[in-house]
């Protein structure tokens, strides 16, 4: 019953969706709303831009289809982004008047980083969506950030190509692909094991959630990773945290008879051969 109540609370969370229409494509708005529904309901939906500009023509039908309110902002002077300022002002007004439970910012502009930090300082979770060109300060500031090309229907390749995955599988796992987290996938040790930031986050997650035997419950390790930084396994070409841990080739993963998964750092020579819990 407690789990049902938690699910209801998550579904009922009110989220303010603020879109920098000058800075992102309209093509992924449906996928963004579908993803956002996992965290709550986007009761406030606003898109900011100069709607007299022909550059936003593709957005206009999407506004009607998804009940998004257009916020008109003229460009008062060349080289100055008045849209950003309008979005920031509205975000702060919403924070203190309508008091949503979370915010979602759709943009690839690092100028919103201070806004994200201020919202989080006020106890808000901030979900971010943007293109691969999004600067890392904005990505890292968000509670969760997802690249638009990883959403359903994306035509662009994921961060780990099939060729890279197969090559790594041949060199590291001659027995073929592993079955991890309910999906068949090859190990991709070479590319992901060299991602210093990712490996540091994953190792820190295990350290933060491991028991005395050196093993951490996979669910706890995944949650700990997300508390450290804005990280989504799909940005690395896999579907979930078990697959992400496995793809680096740096961690030992065990699935117990009851279906619960555990993960340990292979560098930890003092870990028990198997989880003791």
Protein backbone atom coordinates (compact mmCIF):
# COMPACT_ATOMS: atom_id res chain seq x y z
CA UNK A 1 0.00 0.00 0.00
CA UNK A 2 2.87 2.36 0.74
CA UNK A 3 4.21 1.85 -2.77
CA UNK A 4 0.80 2.70 -4.24
CA UNK A 5 0.64 5.92 -2.22
CA UNK A 6 4.13 6.86 -3.37
CA UNK A 7 3.10 6.30 -6.99
CA UNK A 8 0.05 8.51 -6.54
CA UNK A 9 2.15 11.28 -5.01
CA UNK A 10 4.59 11.15 -7.91
CA UNK A 11 1.81 11.26 -10.51
CA UNK A 12 0.16 14.22 -8.78
CA UNK A 13 3.33 16.33 -8.58
CA UNK A 14 2.84 19.66 -10.30
CA UNK A 15 5.63 20.56 -12.73
CA UNK A 16 6.21 23.89 -14.45
CA UNK A 17 7.43 23.26 -18.01
CA UNK A 18 9.32 26.25 -19.43
CA UNK A 19 10.61 26.01 -23.00
CA UNK A 20 13.23 28.20 -24.65
CA UNK A 21 11.69 27.90 -28.11
CA UNK A 22 14.43 30.06 -29.65
CA UNK A 23 16.99 27.47 -28.63
CA UNK A 24 15.49 23.99 -29.21
CA UNK A 25 13.57 22.19 -31.93
CA UNK A 26 9.85 21.55 -31.73
CA UNK A 27 10.30 17.97 -33.02
CA UNK A 28 10.70 16.36 -29.59
CA UNK A 29 7.98 18.07 -27.58
CA UNK A 30 5.75 14.97 -27.53
CA UNK A 31 8.60 12.79 -26.30
CA UNK A 32 9.53 15.39 -23.68
CA UNK A 33 6.00 15.41 -22.27
CA UNK A 34 5.92 11.61 -22.25
CA UNK A 35 9.19 11.47 -20.33
CA UNK A 36 8.06 14.20 -17.95
CA UNK A 37 4.93 12.23 -17.10
CA UNK A 38 7.14 9.79 -15.18
CA UNK A 39 7.84 12.56 -12.67
CA UNK A 40 4.48 14.29 -12.46
CA UNK A 41 2.05 16.43 -14.45
CA UNK A 42 3.10 19.52 -16.40
CA UNK A 43 0.26 21.80 -15.27
CA UNK A 44 2.11 24.91 -16.39
CA UNK A 45 3.32 24.78 -20.00
CA UNK A 46 4.93 27.83 -21.51
CA UNK A 47 7.14 28.39 -24.55
CA UNK A 48 9.15 31.59 -24.86
CA UNK A 49 10.24 33.30 -28.06
CA UNK A 50 9.59 35.96 -30.63
CA UNK A 51 6.54 34.45 -32.28
CA UNK A 52 6.63 37.02 -35.08
CA UNK A 53 9.83 35.36 -36.28
CA UNK A 54 9.64 32.86 -39.17
CA UNK A 55 12.17 30.72 -37.32
CA UNK A 56 9.46 29.59 -34.89
CA UNK A 57 6.95 28.63 -37.56
CA UNK A 58 7.30 24.91 -36.81
CA UNK A 59 6.43 25.47 -33.16
CA UNK A 60 3.01 27.00 -33.75
CA UNK A 61 1.09 23.78 -34.46
CA UNK A 62 2.77 22.11 -31.47
CA UNK A 63 1.49 24.84 -29.17
CA UNK A 64 -2.10 23.96 -30.03
CA UNK A 65 -1.55 20.20 -30.04
CA UNK A 66 -0.06 20.11 -26.55
CA UNK A 67 -1.78 23.06 -24.87
CA UNK A 68 1.41 25.08 -24.51
CA UNK A 69 1.01 28.77 -23.83
CA UNK A 70 3.18 30.96 -26.08
CA UNK A 71 4.91 33.84 -24.30
CA UNK A 72 5.74 36.60 -26.73
CA UNK A 73 9.07 38.32 -26.25
CA UNK A 74 10.30 40.82 -28.82
CA UNK A 75 14.01 41.17 -29.46
CA UNK A 76 14.52 44.71 -28.28
CA UNK A 77 18.15 44.92 -29.35
CA UNK A 78 20.51 42.89 -31.51
CA UNK A 79 22.66 40.37 -29.68
CA UNK A 80 20.61 40.47 -26.47
CA UNK A 81 18.42 37.49 -25.60
CA UNK A 82 15.29 38.97 -24.07
CA UNK A 83 13.65 35.52 -24.17
CA UNK A 84 16.05 34.19 -21.52
CA UNK A 85 15.28 37.07 -19.20
CA UNK A 86 11.51 36.63 -19.59
CA UNK A 87 11.79 32.92 -18.80
CA UNK A 88 13.86 33.55 -15.68
CA UNK A 89 11.42 36.20 -14.41
CA UNK A 90 8.46 33.85 -14.89
CA UNK A 91 10.27 30.96 -13.20
CA UNK A 92 10.91 32.99 -10.08
CA UNK A 93 7.35 34.32 -10.04
CA UNK A 94 5.99 30.76 -10.34
CA UNK A 95 8.28 29.62 -7.54
CA UNK A 96 6.73 32.04 -5.06
CA UNK A 97 3.13 32.22 -6.32
CA UNK A 98 1.92 28.94 -7.80
CA UNK A 99 4.59 26.91 -5.96
CA UNK A 100 4.96 23.87 -8.25
CA UNK A 101 6.73 20.78 -6.89
CA UNK A 102 9.31 20.78 -9.69
CA UNK A 103 10.47 22.64 -12.80
CA UNK A 104 11.41 21.44 -16.27
CA UNK A 105 13.63 23.62 -18.45
CA UNK A 106 13.96 22.82 -22.15
CA UNK A 107 16.99 24.60 -23.53
CA UNK A 108 20.58 24.10 -24.66
CA UNK A 109 21.70 27.42 -23.16
CA UNK A 110 24.14 27.50 -20.23
CA UNK A 111 22.84 30.95 -19.25
CA UNK A 112 20.08 29.18 -17.31
CA UNK A 113 22.57 27.54 -14.94
CA UNK A 114 22.18 30.19 -12.18
CA UNK A 115 18.39 29.82 -12.43
CA UNK A 116 18.64 26.05 -11.96
CA UNK A 117 20.90 26.49 -8.94
CA UNK A 118 18.51 29.02 -7.38
CA UNK A 119 15.50 26.77 -7.92
CA UNK A 120 17.32 23.82 -6.36
CA UNK A 121 18.40 25.98 -3.42
CA UNK A 122 14.68 26.54 -2.82
CA UNK A 123 14.05 22.81 -2.65
CA UNK A 124 12.91 22.31 -6.24
CA UNK A 125 13.89 19.44 -8.51
CA UNK A 126 14.81 20.64 -11.99
CA UNK A 127 14.56 18.38 -15.02
CA UNK A 128 16.48 19.49 -18.09
CA UNK A 129 16.21 18.63 -21.78
CA UNK A 130 18.56 19.88 -24.48
CA UNK A 131 20.75 19.05 -27.43
CA UNK A 132 24.21 17.48 -27.30
CA UNK A 133 25.75 20.94 -27.63
CA UNK A 134 24.38 21.89 -24.19
CA UNK A 135 27.31 23.12 -22.05
CA UNK A 136 28.20 20.89 -19.11
CA UNK A 137 27.49 23.48 -16.35
CA UNK A 138 23.79 23.49 -17.26
CA UNK A 139 23.69 19.69 -17.62
CA UNK A 140 25.39 19.14 -14.26
CA UNK A 141 23.23 21.68 -12.42
CA UNK A 142 19.97 19.89 -13.24
CA UNK A 143 18.56 17.17 -11.03
CA UNK A 144 18.18 15.07 -14.17
CA UNK A 145 19.19 16.05 -17.69
CA UNK A 146 18.31 14.09 -20.83
CA UNK A 147 19.65 14.74 -24.32
CA UNK A 148 16.90 15.13 -26.89
CA UNK A 149 18.48 12.62 -29.28
CA UNK A 150 17.98 9.85 -26.71
CA UNK A 151 14.21 10.28 -26.59
CA UNK A 152 11.93 7.89 -28.43
CA UNK A 153 11.93 8.38 -32.18
CA UNK A 154 15.39 9.96 -32.27
CA UNK A 155 17.14 9.45 -35.57
CA UNK A 156 20.61 10.34 -34.35
CA UNK A 157 22.92 7.58 -33.09
CA UNK A 158 23.38 7.07 -29.37
CA UNK A 159 26.61 7.84 -27.58
CA UNK A 160 27.88 4.28 -28.04
CA UNK A 161 27.72 3.00 -31.62
CA UNK A 162 27.05 -0.62 -32.52
CA UNK A 163 30.50 -0.88 -34.09
CA UNK A 164 32.21 0.30 -30.91
CA UNK A 165 30.14 -2.06 -28.80
CA UNK A 166 30.95 -5.07 -30.98
CA UNK A 167 34.66 -4.27 -31.07
CA UNK A 168 34.80 -3.97 -27.30
CA UNK A 169 32.80 -7.16 -26.90
CA UNK A 170 35.28 -9.09 -29.04
CA UNK A 171 38.26 -7.88 -27.04
CA UNK A 172 36.81 -8.17 -23.55
CA UNK A 173 34.09 -10.84 -23.65
CA UNK A 174 34.93 -13.53 -26.22
CA UNK A 175 31.99 -15.58 -24.98
CA UNK A 176 29.61 -13.04 -26.50
CA UNK A 177 27.06 -10.60 -25.10
CA UNK A 178 25.93 -10.56 -21.50
CA UNK A 179 22.37 -10.63 -20.22
CA UNK A 180 22.13 -7.63 -17.91
CA UNK A 181 19.04 -5.96 -16.52
CA UNK A 182 16.73 -7.97 -18.77
CA UNK A 183 18.42 -6.99 -22.04
CA UNK A 184 21.01 -8.67 -24.22
CA UNK A 185 23.90 -6.33 -24.80
CA UNK A 186 27.63 -6.47 -25.51
CA UNK A 187 30.13 -5.08 -23.07
CA UNK A 188 31.47 -1.71 -24.18
CA UNK A 189 34.40 -1.43 -21.80
CA UNK A 190 36.75 0.52 -24.03
CA UNK A 191 34.71 3.71 -24.56
CA UNK A 192 32.88 3.96 -21.22
CA UNK A 193 35.74 2.85 -18.99
CA UNK A 194 37.67 5.88 -20.22
CA UNK A 195 34.89 8.30 -19.29
CA UNK A 196 36.49 9.57 -16.09
CA UNK A 197 33.46 11.51 -14.91
CA UNK A 198 31.08 8.59 -15.40
CA UNK A 199 33.37 6.05 -13.72
CA UNK A 200 33.93 8.39 -10.77
CA UNK A 201 30.17 8.80 -10.31
CA UNK A 202 29.48 5.07 -10.50
CA UNK A 203 32.28 4.16 -8.12
CA UNK A 204 31.16 6.86 -5.72
CA UNK A 205 27.61 5.50 -5.88
CA UNK A 206 28.79 2.04 -4.88
CA UNK A 207 30.94 3.41 -2.10
CA UNK A 208 28.01 5.42 -0.75
CA UNK A 209 25.55 2.51 -0.76
CA UNK A 210 27.68 -0.62 -0.26
CA UNK A 211 27.29 -2.89 2.76
CA UNK A 212 30.22 -4.16 4.79
CA UNK A 213 30.68 -7.03 2.33
CA UNK A 214 31.51 -4.52 -0.41
CA UNK A 215 28.31 -5.15 -2.40
CA UNK A 216 25.59 -2.55 -3.03
CA UNK A 217 22.01 -3.19 -4.05
CA UNK A 218 21.69 -2.17 -7.69
CA UNK A 219 18.65 0.01 -7.00
CA UNK A 220 20.48 1.83 -4.20
CA UNK A 221 23.58 2.34 -6.35
CA UNK A 222 21.53 3.77 -9.20
CA UNK A 223 19.76 6.18 -6.85
CA UNK A 224 23.09 7.23 -5.34
CA UNK A 225 24.48 7.93 -8.81
CA UNK A 226 21.54 10.20 -9.63
CA UNK A 227 21.98 12.06 -6.35
CA UNK A 228 25.56 12.87 -7.31
CA UNK A 229 24.97 14.25 -10.77
CA UNK A 230 22.52 14.57 -13.62
CA UNK A 231 22.92 11.12 -15.16
CA UNK A 232 20.65 9.02 -17.33
CA UNK A 233 21.84 5.64 -18.70
CA UNK A 234 20.20 6.33 -22.06
CA UNK A 235 22.69 9.12 -22.66
CA UNK A 236 25.33 6.37 -22.76
CA UNK A 237 23.49 4.07 -25.15
CA UNK A 238 21.88 1.68 -22.62
CA UNK A 239 18.47 1.50 -21.01
CA UNK A 240 19.11 1.20 -17.28
CA UNK A 241 21.69 1.32 -14.51
CA UNK A 242 22.45 -2.42 -14.43
CA UNK A 243 23.38 -2.22 -18.10
CA UNK A 244 25.40 0.96 -17.53
CA UNK A 245 27.45 -0.57 -14.71
CA UNK A 246 28.05 -3.65 -16.85
CA UNK A 247 28.95 -1.67 -19.95
CA UNK A 248 32.01 -0.12 -18.30
CA UNK A 249 33.52 -3.53 -17.58
CA UNK A 250 34.75 -2.22 -14.23
CA UNK A 251 32.13 -3.68 -11.90
CA UNK A 252 31.02 -7.11 -10.76
CA UNK A 253 27.28 -7.75 -11.00
CA UNK A 254 25.35 -10.56 -9.33
CA UNK A 255 21.65 -11.36 -9.58
CA UNK A 256 20.28 -13.29 -6.62
CA UNK A 257 17.68 -16.05 -6.73
CA UNK A 258 15.01 -13.60 -5.61
CA UNK A 259 15.78 -11.37 -8.59
CA UNK A 260 17.56 -8.63 -6.65
CA UNK A 261 20.71 -7.30 -8.27
CA UNK A 262 23.94 -6.33 -6.54
CA UNK A 263 27.04 -4.53 -7.81
CA UNK A 264 30.60 -4.22 -6.52
CA UNK A 265 33.75 -2.42 -7.62
CA UNK A 266 36.27 -4.86 -9.06
CA UNK A 267 39.08 -2.80 -7.56
CA UNK A 268 37.84 -3.69 -4.08
CA UNK A 269 39.92 -6.77 -3.27
CA UNK A 270 38.30 -7.02 0.16
CA UNK A 271 34.78 -7.60 -1.15
CA UNK A 272 33.04 -10.87 -0.38
CA UNK A 273 32.82 -13.38 -3.23
CA UNK A 274 29.03 -12.91 -3.22
CA UNK A 275 26.59 -10.58 -1.45
CA UNK A 276 25.90 -11.72 2.06
CA UNK A 277 22.50 -10.07 2.37
